[in-house]
Amino acid sequence: MLDFPRWKVWWVSLLLVVGVAFAIPSFFPEQQVAQWPGFLPKARINLGLDLAGGSHLLLEADTSDVAQQRLALMEETVRTEMRRASPRIEIGEISTAGNRVTFMLRDPTRVDAAVEILRALTQPVGLGGQRDWNVNVVDSSRIVLTPTQSGLAASLDSAMDVAREVVYNRVDPDGTREVTVVRQGGDRILVQVPGLEDPEGLKDLLGKTARLDFKLVDFDADPSLLAQGRAPVGSQVLPYPSNPSGVPYIAVERRAMVTGDQLIDATQVFDPTTNEPAVSIRFDGAGGRRFARVTQDNVGKPFAIILDDVVISAPNINEPILGGQAQISGSFTVETANDLAIQLRSGKLPVELQVVEERTVGPDLGADSIRLGVVAGVVGTVAVLIFMLVTYGRFGFYADIALILNVIIILGIMAIFNATLTLPGIAGFVLTIGAAVDANVIINERIREEYRRGRSIISAIEHGYSEAQTAIFDANITNVIAGMLLFYFGSGPVRGFAVVMMIGIVTSVFTAVTVTRMFVSLWLRRKRPTALRI
C-alpha cells in the first residue's frame, strides 16, 4: 500500500500539474488569456446566468403551423389507409382547404368501410369522450375529417414538449453550459443562456424549424400558373432563391421522398469537388432503403432538397443513391453549415417558434449576494484547513494540500469541458470539500487507532489506508449514484450541481487517498520517523 515507485510518483505529479495548468486560465481575464502563447491551455469555465448574466429569449409557438402539420399528416394517412384497405378503396384527390381534410369515394358503396377505417384512426382526448378528429359523410360519397379543438390543444401540448427538448439540444448539445429551457404557459418556451451577451446567433439557431424534405420536382407544371403561385393538384410551389434558371420558385410534389425524421447524423464537411462547406447526412435503415428505392425509380429526374419550405438545391438523379448517405450543398459558410448540422442532429422543431421577447440580463442574485457567498465559502474552507492542521498535525497538513489541489483540479476539469459554474455549482464545491475532508478524517482516525493498538508506524499507516478505503469508496459510490440521478432527471442549475458534485467526488477520492498516500510514503522513506504524532 505504501510502496510508491518513482514512475507512480511522476505519474501522479503529472496529473496534478495538468489539472492545475487547465485551471489557471479561469483565474485571469479572458482578454489576457487570449494573448498567451498557443501551446498554453486557454479553456475557461463559463459563469452561469446568476453569476455573470447572459441572454434571455422568450419563444412563442405558431399554433397555425401545428394545425397545418396535422392536416398534412392526416392527408398522408388517409391516402395510405385507403390504399391498404382490402379490397382497395379508390378515392379522388384530397383537399385540405378550409382547415379540414375532404375527399370523394369513387364507389359510394364503400363509404361505410372507409368511415370505419378512419374512425379507428382517431384518438380520444381527455376525459370527456371527445376525439381529436370528427368524421362525417356529406352527399353520400364525400368524407370530411374536421380537427377538434381538444385534438389541436393536445397536439400543441405534445409539440411543445418535443420543442423544448429540441431547443435544449440545439443550445447546449454537450450539456455543459447549464442553460435554462422551460415551458411558460401553453405555447411559450423560456431560454436563458449564461455568458452569452449577443443573442443574434442564438436567435438564428432557434429561428429555424430544420424541417428537411426530399421531394421530386414537377416539370409538368404550367409556367404561367407557377408565376401566379398555383401548382397542379398533388404539387406545390416553393421558393428557390438559388435557382440556376433565375426563376425564384419551383414546383415540387407534395409527397416527400424522405424526411428529416429519418436522419441519424449530420456533420459539416467540405464538398470534394468544389471544396466549399457542405452538410453530410446519414439516414436510418428505413430512410436509406426508401431513398435508394426512390432514386432507383427516378434516375434522370431532378429532386429538390427542401429546408423549412425553401428549396436549397435541386440536383439531378444521375444514378441510384445507395448506402443511406447524401450531401446538402448550397451557399454555406463553415459556420452556417455547422449550425445546420446541429439543427438537423438535434431534430426538427415540431412547431415554428418566434422570438417575442429578448434581453440581456445581469446576475439574478446581485453582486452583494455573490460576494457574500464567496466570502462564506472561503471562510468555511479556511476553517476546515485550520481544523485539519491543528487536529492531525503533519497528516492534517498533507490533507490540506490535497484539499487545495482537489479544488484546483475540479476547476481544471470543468475548464476542459467548457462547463458552466453557477451558485448551485458553488454549493457542489462546498459539499465536495466536506466529502474530501471526511475521507481524510476516516484515514487519519484509522491510523491513530491502529497505532494505539501497538502496531509499528509503517504497519499502522498501511492498515489505516487499506481499512479506510472500503468505507470511503462505498460512501462515494452512493454519492455518485445520487449525482447521476440528479443529472438525469434535473435540468439547468440542478444539473450544474450534479456535475460539480460528481467531478468533485472523483477528484476528492484521488487527492484524499492517492495524493496523501504519496506524501506520507515519501515522508516515511526520507525521514524514517521513530514516533507517530497524529
Protein backbone atom coordinates (compact mmCIF):
# COMPACT_ATOMS: atom_id res chain seq x y z
CA MET A 1 0.00 0.00 0.00
CA LEU A 2 2.81 2.41 0.86
CA ASP A 3 5.10 1.17 -1.90
CA PHE A 4 5.24 4.19 -4.21
CA PRO A 5 7.76 3.59 -7.04
CA ARG A 6 9.29 6.52 -8.86
CA TRP A 7 7.17 6.05 -12.00
CA LYS A 8 3.99 6.26 -9.94
CA VAL A 9 5.22 9.46 -8.25
CA TRP A 10 5.87 11.01 -11.65
CA TRP A 11 2.51 9.85 -12.98
CA VAL A 12 0.54 11.33 -10.06
CA SER A 13 2.60 14.52 -10.22
CA LEU A 14 1.91 14.85 -13.97
CA LEU A 15 -1.86 14.51 -13.42
CA LEU A 16 -1.70 17.21 -10.73
CA VAL A 17 0.30 19.56 -12.96
CA VAL A 18 -2.10 19.08 -15.89
CA GLY A 19 -5.10 19.76 -13.65
CA VAL A 20 -3.54 22.90 -12.23
CA ALA A 21 -2.46 24.09 -15.72
CA PHE A 22 -6.00 23.86 -17.10
CA ALA A 23 -7.42 25.64 -14.04
CA ILE A 24 -5.07 28.65 -14.27
CA PRO A 25 -6.78 30.43 -17.27
CA SER A 26 -10.03 30.71 -15.30
CA PHE A 27 -8.28 32.99 -12.77
CA PHE A 28 -7.29 35.57 -15.44
CA PRO A 29 -9.34 37.91 -17.66
CA GLU A 30 -10.38 36.41 -20.98
CA GLN A 31 -8.64 39.17 -22.99
CA GLN A 32 -5.36 38.43 -21.21
CA VAL A 33 -5.67 34.67 -21.74
CA ALA A 34 -6.24 35.21 -25.47
CA GLN A 35 -2.78 36.77 -25.74
CA TRP A 36 -0.98 33.78 -24.22
CA PRO A 37 1.23 31.57 -26.45
CA GLY A 38 -0.61 28.91 -28.44
CA PHE A 39 0.88 25.94 -26.56
CA LEU A 40 -0.67 27.06 -23.24
CA PRO A 41 -4.19 25.87 -22.33
CA LYS A 42 -6.82 28.58 -22.79
CA ALA A 43 -10.04 26.75 -21.89
CA ARG A 44 -12.03 28.61 -19.26
CA ILE A 45 -15.00 27.97 -17.02
CA ASN A 46 -18.19 29.73 -18.07
CA LEU A 47 -20.08 31.65 -15.40
CA GLY A 48 -23.78 30.98 -15.06
CA LEU A 49 -26.61 33.44 -15.55
CA ASP A 50 -26.77 34.02 -11.80
CA LEU A 51 -23.06 34.92 -11.70
CA ALA A 52 -22.33 36.71 -14.96
CA GLY A 53 -25.66 37.36 -16.67
CA GLY A 54 -26.44 36.23 -20.21
CA SER A 55 -29.15 36.17 -22.88
CA HIS A 56 -32.85 35.77 -22.24
CA LEU A 57 -35.24 34.76 -25.03
CA LEU A 58 -38.95 34.06 -24.88
CA LEU A 59 -40.18 31.94 -27.80
CA GLU A 60 -43.80 31.60 -28.87
CA ALA A 61 -45.20 28.76 -30.97
CA ASP A 62 -47.16 29.37 -34.15
CA THR A 63 -50.33 27.38 -33.45
CA SER A 64 -51.43 27.61 -37.09
CA ASP A 65 -48.29 25.69 -38.01
CA VAL A 66 -49.37 22.80 -35.78
CA ALA A 67 -52.78 22.79 -37.42
CA GLN A 68 -51.28 22.69 -40.93
CA GLN A 69 -48.97 19.83 -39.96
CA ARG A 70 -51.90 17.84 -38.60
CA LEU A 71 -53.78 18.34 -41.86
CA ALA A 72 -50.78 17.22 -43.92
CA LEU A 73 -50.25 14.16 -41.72
CA MET A 74 -53.91 13.18 -41.90
CA GLU A 75 -53.90 13.63 -45.68
CA GLU A 76 -50.99 11.21 -46.00
CA THR A 77 -52.60 8.79 -43.53
CA VAL A 78 -55.90 8.78 -45.43
CA ARG A 79 -54.14 8.07 -48.69
CA THR A 80 -52.13 5.22 -47.15
CA GLU A 81 -55.04 3.58 -45.29
CA MET A 82 -57.38 3.70 -48.29
CA ARG A 83 -54.68 2.05 -50.39
CA ARG A 84 -54.11 -0.66 -47.76
CA ALA A 85 -57.81 -1.50 -47.42
CA SER A 86 -58.86 -4.91 -48.73
CA PRO A 87 -60.17 -4.55 -51.29
CA ARG A 88 -58.57 -1.19 -52.03
CA ILE A 89 -60.82 1.85 -51.65
CA GLU A 90 -60.48 4.15 -54.66
CA ILE A 91 -60.62 7.85 -53.80
CA GLY A 92 -60.28 11.13 -55.68
CA GLU A 93 -57.94 13.99 -54.92
CA ILE A 94 -57.67 15.01 -51.28
CA SER A 95 -58.30 18.64 -50.34
CA THR A 96 -57.10 20.37 -47.17
CA ALA A 97 -58.88 23.67 -47.85
CA GLY A 98 -60.85 25.22 -45.02
CA ASN A 99 -58.69 23.52 -42.35
CA ARG A 100 -60.26 20.15 -42.95
CA VAL A 101 -59.50 17.02 -44.98
CA THR A 102 -62.02 16.28 -47.73
CA PHE A 103 -62.11 13.59 -50.43
CA MET A 104 -64.57 11.76 -52.68
CA LEU A 105 -65.02 7.99 -52.97
CA ARG A 106 -65.24 6.64 -56.49
CA ASP A 107 -67.51 3.84 -55.24
CA PRO A 108 -70.22 5.22 -52.87
CA THR A 109 -70.95 1.70 -51.61
CA ARG A 110 -67.57 1.70 -49.80
CA VAL A 111 -68.45 4.74 -47.65
CA ASP A 112 -69.19 2.69 -44.51
CA ALA A 113 -65.93 0.76 -44.82
CA ALA A 114 -63.94 3.97 -45.29
CA VAL A 115 -65.63 5.67 -42.31
CA GLU A 116 -64.93 2.66 -40.10
CA ILE A 117 -61.23 2.74 -41.03
CA LEU A 118 -60.97 6.49 -40.47
CA ARG A 119 -62.78 6.49 -37.13
CA ALA A 120 -60.37 3.82 -35.92
CA LEU A 121 -57.55 6.29 -36.64
CA THR A 122 -58.95 8.98 -34.35
CA GLN A 123 -57.87 9.12 -30.71
CA PRO A 124 -59.80 10.06 -27.56
CA VAL A 125 -58.71 13.35 -25.95
CA GLY A 126 -59.06 13.99 -22.23
CA LEU A 127 -61.80 12.51 -20.07
CA GLY A 128 -64.83 13.96 -21.85
CA GLY A 129 -65.02 11.31 -24.56
CA GLN A 130 -64.24 13.78 -27.37
CA ARG A 131 -61.89 12.63 -30.11
CA ASP A 132 -59.16 14.51 -31.97
CA TRP A 133 -60.98 14.32 -35.35
CA ASN A 134 -64.64 14.32 -36.35
CA VAL A 135 -65.50 12.06 -39.31
CA ASN A 136 -68.62 13.00 -41.30
CA VAL A 137 -70.20 11.89 -44.58
CA VAL A 138 -71.56 14.55 -46.95
CA ASP A 139 -73.62 13.89 -50.09
CA SER A 140 -73.34 10.12 -49.59
CA SER A 141 -69.87 9.88 -51.22
CA ARG A 142 -67.77 12.68 -49.75
CA ILE A 143 -65.98 12.24 -46.40
CA VAL A 144 -64.92 15.23 -44.31
CA LEU A 145 -62.46 15.00 -41.42
CA THR A 146 -62.51 18.05 -39.15
CA PRO A 147 -59.94 18.57 -36.39
CA THR A 148 -61.41 19.30 -32.97
CA GLN A 149 -60.19 22.00 -30.60
CA SER A 150 -59.37 19.38 -27.99
CA GLY A 151 -57.28 17.48 -30.51
CA LEU A 152 -55.46 20.64 -31.56
CA ALA A 153 -54.73 21.52 -27.91
CA ALA A 154 -53.37 18.04 -27.23
CA SER A 155 -51.18 18.18 -30.35
CA LEU A 156 -49.85 21.61 -29.37
CA ASP A 157 -49.01 20.38 -25.87
CA SER A 158 -47.14 17.37 -27.27
CA ALA A 159 -45.36 19.53 -29.85
CA MET A 160 -44.25 21.99 -27.16
CA ASP A 161 -42.76 19.19 -25.06
CA VAL A 162 -40.76 17.98 -28.06
CA ALA A 163 -39.83 21.56 -28.99
CA ARG A 164 -38.41 22.18 -25.52
CA GLU A 165 -36.13 19.15 -25.86
CA VAL A 166 -35.04 20.17 -29.37
CA VAL A 167 -34.29 23.74 -28.24
CA TYR A 168 -32.25 22.44 -25.31
CA ASN A 169 -30.23 20.12 -27.58
CA ARG A 170 -29.52 22.95 -30.02
CA VAL A 171 -28.47 25.49 -27.39
CA ASP A 172 -26.42 23.06 -25.30
CA PRO A 173 -25.56 19.96 -27.38
CA ASP A 174 -22.79 18.93 -24.95
CA GLY A 175 -24.82 19.52 -21.79
CA THR A 176 -22.13 21.66 -20.14
CA ARG A 177 -23.43 25.24 -20.33
CA GLU A 178 -26.23 24.94 -17.75
CA VAL A 179 -28.82 26.63 -19.91
CA THR A 180 -32.38 27.08 -18.71
CA VAL A 181 -35.05 25.89 -21.15
CA VAL A 182 -38.53 25.70 -19.63
CA ARG A 183 -42.11 25.97 -20.87
CA GLN A 184 -44.18 29.00 -19.94
CA GLY A 185 -47.88 28.59 -20.41
CA GLY A 186 -49.28 26.51 -23.22
CA ASP A 187 -47.37 27.91 -26.19
CA ARG A 188 -44.16 29.59 -24.94
CA ILE A 189 -40.62 28.48 -24.10
CA LEU A 190 -38.18 30.48 -21.96
CA VAL A 191 -34.48 30.18 -22.88
CA GLN A 192 -31.68 31.60 -20.72
CA VAL A 193 -28.06 31.10 -21.79
CA PRO A 194 -25.38 32.22 -19.30
CA GLY A 195 -22.42 34.25 -20.54
CA LEU A 196 -23.96 34.97 -23.97
CA GLU A 197 -24.33 38.72 -24.41
CA ASP A 198 -25.22 38.74 -28.12
CA PRO A 199 -28.44 36.78 -28.74
CA GLU A 200 -28.38 37.12 -32.55
CA GLY A 201 -26.54 33.85 -33.13
CA LEU A 202 -28.87 32.12 -30.69
CA LYS A 203 -31.92 33.52 -32.48
CA ASP A 204 -30.60 32.26 -35.81
CA LEU A 205 -30.03 28.81 -34.31
CA LEU A 206 -33.54 28.63 -32.85
CA GLY A 207 -35.39 30.51 -35.56
CA LYS A 208 -35.36 27.59 -38.00
CA THR A 209 -37.50 24.52 -37.58
CA ALA A 210 -34.88 22.48 -39.54
CA ARG A 211 -37.66 20.59 -41.33
CA LEU A 212 -35.81 18.72 -44.07
CA ASP A 213 -37.61 17.09 -47.01
CA PHE A 214 -36.56 15.47 -50.27
CA LYS A 215 -39.24 15.82 -52.96
CA LEU A 216 -39.36 15.17 -56.70
CA VAL A 217 -39.56 18.20 -58.98
CA ASP A 218 -42.77 18.55 -61.01
CA PHE A 219 -41.81 19.67 -64.53
CA ASP A 220 -45.33 19.19 -65.85
CA ALA A 221 -46.46 22.37 -64.11
CA ASP A 222 -47.59 25.24 -66.34
CA PRO A 223 -45.05 28.13 -66.01
CA SER A 224 -47.83 30.70 -66.29
CA LEU A 225 -49.66 29.14 -63.35
CA LEU A 226 -46.44 28.89 -61.37
CA ALA A 227 -45.93 32.63 -61.83
CA GLN A 228 -49.29 33.11 -60.10
CA GLY A 229 -48.25 30.80 -57.26
CA ARG A 230 -50.52 27.99 -58.45
CA ALA A 231 -49.43 24.37 -58.92
CA PRO A 232 -51.12 21.26 -60.32
CA VAL A 233 -53.09 19.02 -57.97
CA GLY A 234 -50.66 16.98 -55.87
CA SER A 235 -47.87 19.56 -56.20
CA GLN A 236 -46.90 22.84 -54.52
CA VAL A 237 -44.90 25.95 -55.34
CA LEU A 238 -41.87 26.65 -53.14
CA PRO A 239 -39.30 29.46 -53.21
CA TYR A 240 -35.96 28.58 -54.82
CA PRO A 241 -33.65 31.60 -54.32
CA SER A 242 -30.59 29.93 -55.86
CA ASN A 243 -32.35 28.54 -58.95
CA PRO A 244 -29.77 28.48 -61.80
CA SER A 245 -32.51 29.43 -64.26
CA GLY A 246 -33.11 32.67 -62.38
CA VAL A 247 -36.75 31.85 -61.59
CA PRO A 248 -37.09 32.24 -57.80
CA TYR A 249 -39.63 29.42 -57.40
CA ILE A 250 -40.14 25.81 -58.41
CA ALA A 251 -42.93 23.22 -58.38
CA VAL A 252 -42.41 20.06 -56.36
CA GLU A 253 -44.62 17.11 -55.48
CA ARG A 254 -46.38 17.38 -52.14
CA ARG A 255 -45.38 13.88 -51.08
CA ALA A 256 -41.88 13.66 -49.68
CA MET A 257 -39.43 11.01 -50.85
CA VAL A 258 -37.67 11.03 -47.47
CA THR A 259 -37.98 13.37 -44.48
CA GLY A 260 -35.57 14.61 -41.84
CA ASP A 261 -37.31 12.39 -39.27
CA GLN A 262 -35.29 9.50 -40.71
CA LEU A 263 -31.89 11.19 -40.18
CA ILE A 264 -29.48 9.71 -37.65
CA ASP A 265 -26.48 12.00 -38.19
CA ALA A 266 -25.46 15.27 -39.83
CA THR A 267 -21.94 16.74 -39.95
CA GLN A 268 -20.25 19.73 -41.56
CA VAL A 269 -17.91 18.65 -44.37
CA PHE A 270 -16.26 20.12 -47.45
CA ASP A 271 -17.51 19.26 -50.93
CA PRO A 272 -14.71 17.20 -52.57
CA THR A 273 -15.37 18.75 -55.99
CA THR A 274 -15.68 22.44 -55.05
CA ASN A 275 -14.03 22.42 -51.60
CA GLU A 276 -16.96 24.51 -50.34
CA PRO A 277 -18.64 23.87 -46.96
CA ALA A 278 -21.48 21.37 -47.10
CA VAL A 279 -23.50 19.15 -44.78
CA SER A 280 -23.24 15.36 -44.95
CA ILE A 281 -26.33 13.49 -43.74
CA ARG A 282 -26.96 9.84 -42.96
CA PHE A 283 -30.36 8.12 -42.88
CA ASP A 284 -31.51 5.27 -40.68
CA GLY A 285 -32.15 1.85 -42.20
CA ALA A 286 -35.72 2.53 -43.33
CA GLY A 287 -34.88 6.00 -44.66
CA GLY A 288 -31.80 4.71 -46.52
CA ARG A 289 -33.80 1.93 -48.19
CA ARG A 290 -36.59 4.32 -49.19
CA PHE A 291 -34.11 6.88 -50.53
CA ALA A 292 -32.36 4.17 -52.56
CA ARG A 293 -35.66 2.85 -53.95
CA VAL A 294 -36.95 6.28 -54.97
CA THR A 295 -33.67 7.28 -56.65
CA GLN A 296 -33.60 3.94 -58.49
CA ASP A 297 -37.11 4.55 -59.84
CA ASN A 298 -36.39 8.17 -60.87
CA VAL A 299 -32.95 8.13 -62.49
CA GLY A 300 -32.60 11.13 -64.79
CA LYS A 301 -35.12 13.23 -62.87
CA PRO A 302 -34.32 16.13 -60.52
CA PHE A 303 -35.30 16.16 -56.86
CA ALA A 304 -35.48 19.11 -54.51
CA ILE A 305 -33.68 19.37 -51.16
CA ILE A 306 -36.03 21.49 -49.04
CA LEU A 307 -35.25 23.10 -45.70
CA ASP A 308 -38.10 24.86 -43.91
CA ASP A 309 -40.15 25.06 -47.12
CA VAL A 310 -37.31 26.70 -49.07
CA VAL A 311 -35.54 24.77 -51.83
CA ILE A 312 -31.78 24.75 -51.24
CA SER A 313 -30.87 22.86 -54.39
CA ALA A 314 -32.46 20.62 -56.99
CA PRO A 315 -29.80 18.23 -58.33
CA ASN A 316 -30.41 15.61 -60.98
CA ILE A 317 -30.51 11.91 -60.03
CA ASN A 318 -27.74 10.62 -62.29
CA GLU A 319 -27.63 7.20 -60.63
CA PRO A 320 -29.25 5.43 -57.67
CA ILE A 321 -28.05 6.84 -54.34
CA LEU A 322 -27.32 3.82 -52.19
CA GLY A 323 -25.79 3.46 -48.74
CA GLY A 324 -28.16 5.79 -46.94
CA GLN A 325 -25.92 8.87 -47.26
CA ALA A 326 -26.36 12.18 -49.06
CA GLN A 327 -24.85 15.65 -49.10
CA ILE A 328 -26.51 19.07 -48.91
CA SER A 329 -24.65 21.76 -50.82
CA GLY A 330 -25.50 25.43 -51.11
CA SER A 331 -24.21 28.88 -50.33
CA PHE A 332 -22.85 27.82 -46.95
CA THR A 333 -20.07 29.19 -44.81
CA VAL A 334 -18.36 26.89 -42.32
CA GLU A 335 -20.40 28.48 -39.53
CA THR A 336 -23.79 28.21 -41.26
CA ALA A 337 -23.05 24.64 -42.37
CA ASN A 338 -22.13 23.70 -38.81
CA ASP A 339 -25.28 25.39 -37.46
CA LEU A 340 -27.43 23.46 -39.95
CA ALA A 341 -25.73 20.21 -38.94
CA ILE A 342 -26.51 20.95 -35.27
CA GLN A 343 -30.14 21.74 -36.14
CA LEU A 344 -30.55 18.52 -38.12
CA ARG A 345 -28.82 16.39 -35.47
CA SER A 346 -30.95 17.80 -32.66
CA GLY A 347 -34.10 17.10 -34.66
CA LYS A 348 -36.60 19.33 -36.36
CA LEU A 349 -38.80 21.62 -34.35
CA PRO A 350 -42.34 20.21 -34.45
CA VAL A 351 -43.70 23.77 -34.45
CA GLU A 352 -42.39 27.09 -35.68
CA LEU A 353 -41.12 29.30 -32.86
CA GLN A 354 -40.95 33.09 -32.96
CA VAL A 355 -38.98 35.34 -30.62
CA VAL A 356 -41.45 37.57 -28.75
CA GLU A 357 -39.05 38.87 -26.10
CA GLU A 358 -35.28 39.19 -25.85
CA ARG A 359 -32.93 40.91 -23.48
CA THR A 360 -29.51 40.68 -21.93
CA VAL A 361 -29.83 40.11 -18.20
CA GLY A 362 -27.46 40.64 -15.28
CA PRO A 363 -26.85 38.45 -12.22
CA ASP A 364 -30.15 37.42 -10.66
CA LEU A 365 -28.97 37.44 -7.08
CA GLY A 366 -26.93 40.64 -7.24
CA ALA A 367 -23.27 41.39 -6.64
CA ASP A 368 -23.70 41.55 -2.85
CA SER A 369 -25.14 38.04 -2.63
CA ILE A 370 -22.35 36.68 -4.85
CA ARG A 371 -19.69 38.44 -2.77
CA LEU A 372 -21.16 37.15 0.48
CA GLY A 373 -21.41 33.64 -0.94
CA VAL A 374 -17.76 33.66 -1.99
CA VAL A 375 -16.71 35.06 1.41
CA ALA A 376 -18.71 32.36 3.19
CA GLY A 377 -17.09 29.66 1.04
CA VAL A 378 -13.59 30.98 1.64
CA VAL A 379 -14.13 31.36 5.40
CA GLY A 380 -15.53 27.84 5.62
CA THR A 381 -12.63 26.39 3.64
CA VAL A 382 -10.02 28.19 5.74
CA ALA A 383 -11.73 26.98 8.93
CA VAL A 384 -11.59 23.40 7.67
CA LEU A 385 -7.92 23.76 6.75
CA ILE A 386 -7.04 25.10 10.22
CA PHE A 387 -9.07 22.36 11.92
CA MET A 388 -7.29 19.60 9.98
CA LEU A 389 -3.88 21.13 10.68
CA VAL A 390 -4.49 21.53 14.43
CA THR A 391 -6.13 18.11 14.85
CA TYR A 392 -3.79 15.89 12.83
CA GLY A 393 -0.53 17.83 12.56
CA ARG A 394 1.62 16.66 9.64
CA PHE A 395 -1.14 14.40 8.35
CA GLY A 396 -3.56 17.32 8.52
CA PHE A 397 -1.09 19.42 6.55
CA TYR A 398 -0.97 16.74 3.85
CA ALA A 399 -4.79 16.66 3.84
CA ASP A 400 -4.90 20.46 3.46
CA ILE A 401 -2.57 20.34 0.45
CA ALA A 402 -4.70 17.57 -1.09
CA LEU A 403 -7.85 19.60 -0.43
CA ILE A 404 -6.44 22.71 -2.17
CA LEU A 405 -5.28 20.55 -5.12
CA ASN A 406 -8.72 18.97 -5.24
CA VAL A 407 -10.46 22.34 -5.67
CA ILE A 408 -7.98 23.42 -8.37
CA ILE A 409 -8.30 20.12 -10.26
CA ILE A 410 -12.10 20.40 -10.23
CA LEU A 411 -11.76 23.83 -11.86
CA GLY A 412 -9.31 22.38 -14.40
CA ILE A 413 -11.65 19.54 -15.37
CA MET A 414 -14.59 21.94 -15.68
CA ALA A 415 -12.47 24.20 -17.89
CA ILE A 416 -11.51 21.27 -20.15
CA PHE A 417 -15.20 20.54 -20.78
CA ASN A 418 -16.06 24.27 -21.00
CA ALA A 419 -18.58 23.74 -18.20
CA THR A 420 -20.58 26.50 -16.51
CA LEU A 421 -20.31 27.45 -12.85
CA THR A 422 -23.41 28.72 -11.05
CA LEU A 423 -24.33 29.30 -7.41
CA PRO A 424 -25.63 25.71 -7.11
CA GLY A 425 -22.26 24.66 -8.55
CA ILE A 426 -20.52 26.55 -5.75
CA ALA A 427 -22.74 24.61 -3.33
CA GLY A 428 -21.44 21.46 -5.00
CA PHE A 429 -17.91 22.72 -4.35
CA VAL A 430 -18.63 23.13 -0.65
CA LEU A 431 -20.15 19.66 -0.48
CA THR A 432 -17.09 18.25 -2.24
CA ILE A 433 -14.74 19.91 0.29
CA GLY A 434 -16.67 18.27 3.12
CA ALA A 435 -16.54 14.87 1.38
CA ALA A 436 -12.78 15.18 0.76
CA VAL A 437 -12.08 16.15 4.39
CA ASP A 438 -14.35 13.34 5.57
CA ALA A 439 -12.18 10.81 3.70
CA ASN A 440 -9.03 12.15 5.33
CA VAL A 441 -10.65 12.11 8.76
CA ILE A 442 -11.54 8.43 8.31
CA ILE A 443 -7.99 7.60 7.19
CA ASN A 444 -6.29 9.57 9.98
CA GLU A 445 -8.54 8.21 12.71
CA ARG A 446 -7.94 4.69 11.48
CA ILE A 447 -4.16 5.25 11.51
CA ARG A 448 -4.39 6.68 15.04
CA GLU A 449 -6.42 3.68 16.21
CA GLU A 450 -4.02 1.14 14.70
CA TYR A 451 -1.02 2.92 16.23
CA ARG A 452 -2.64 2.90 19.69
CA ARG A 453 -3.11 -0.85 19.37
CA GLY A 454 0.66 -1.21 19.33
CA ARG A 455 1.37 -1.55 15.65
CA SER A 456 4.55 -0.09 14.18
CA ILE A 457 4.42 3.23 12.36
CA ILE A 458 4.54 1.68 8.89
CA SER A 459 2.07 -1.06 9.83
CA ALA A 460 -0.38 1.44 11.37
CA ILE A 461 -0.30 3.69 8.30
CA GLU A 462 -0.55 0.68 5.99
CA HIS A 463 -3.62 -0.70 7.78
CA GLY A 464 -5.10 2.78 8.17
CA TYR A 465 -5.21 3.39 4.42
CA SER A 466 -6.22 -0.14 3.44
CA GLU A 467 -9.03 -0.44 6.01
CA ALA A 468 -10.40 3.06 5.38
CA GLN A 469 -10.54 2.68 1.60
CA THR A 470 -13.55 0.34 1.67
CA ALA A 471 -15.69 2.77 3.63
CA ILE A 472 -14.52 5.73 1.52
CA PHE A 473 -15.28 4.01 -1.80
CA ASP A 474 -18.68 2.71 -0.68
CA ALA A 475 -19.76 6.14 0.58
CA ASN A 476 -18.63 7.91 -2.58
CA ILE A 477 -20.22 5.36 -4.92
CA THR A 478 -23.62 6.09 -3.35
CA ASN A 479 -22.96 9.81 -3.78
CA VAL A 480 -22.08 9.29 -7.46
CA ILE A 481 -25.32 7.35 -7.97
CA ALA A 482 -27.26 10.22 -6.40
CA GLY A 483 -25.41 12.69 -8.65
CA MET A 484 -26.23 10.65 -11.76
CA LEU A 485 -29.91 10.64 -10.86
CA LEU A 486 -29.85 14.40 -10.28
CA PHE A 487 -28.19 14.92 -13.66
CA TYR A 488 -30.59 12.60 -15.49
CA PHE A 489 -33.83 13.93 -14.02
CA GLY A 490 -32.76 17.54 -13.34
CA SER A 491 -32.16 20.49 -15.63
CA GLY A 492 -30.30 23.79 -15.59
CA PRO A 493 -28.80 24.62 -12.16
CA VAL A 494 -29.70 21.18 -10.77
CA ARG A 495 -27.58 19.55 -13.44
CA GLY A 496 -24.79 22.01 -12.69
CA PHE A 497 -24.84 21.00 -9.04
CA ALA A 498 -24.75 17.31 -10.03
CA VAL A 499 -21.84 17.78 -12.46
CA VAL A 500 -19.68 19.63 -9.94
CA MET A 501 -20.54 17.13 -7.23
CA MET A 502 -19.65 14.07 -9.36
CA ILE A 503 -16.40 15.62 -10.60
CA GLY A 504 -15.56 16.59 -7.03
CA ILE A 505 -16.24 13.09 -5.72
CA VAL A 506 -13.85 11.50 -8.22
CA THR A 507 -11.11 14.07 -7.64
CA SER A 508 -11.56 14.01 -3.86
CA VAL A 509 -11.03 10.27 -3.74
CA PHE A 510 -7.91 10.70 -5.88
CA THR A 511 -6.45 13.51 -3.78
CA ALA A 512 -7.59 12.27 -0.34
CA VAL A 513 -6.34 8.71 -0.88
CA THR A 514 -3.70 8.58 -3.61
CA VAL A 515 -2.08 12.01 -3.25
CA THR A 516 -1.88 11.98 0.57
CA ARG A 517 -0.60 8.40 0.48
CA MET A 518 2.16 9.55 -1.88
CA PHE A 519 3.07 12.39 0.52
CA VAL A 520 3.16 10.00 3.51
CA SER A 521 5.17 7.40 1.60
CA LEU A 522 7.81 9.96 0.57
CA TRP A 523 7.98 11.27 4.15
CA LEU A 524 8.48 7.79 5.60
CA ARG A 525 11.14 6.98 3.02
CA ARG A 526 13.04 10.22 3.65
CA LYS A 527 12.70 10.74 7.43
CA ARG A 528 12.18 7.20 8.77
CA PRO A 529 10.41 8.52 11.91
CA THR A 530 10.59 6.66 15.24
CA ALA A 531 7.36 8.11 16.63
CA LEU A 532 3.98 8.95 15.12
CA ARG A 533 2.30 12.16 16.19
CA ILE A 534 -1.16 12.34 14.68
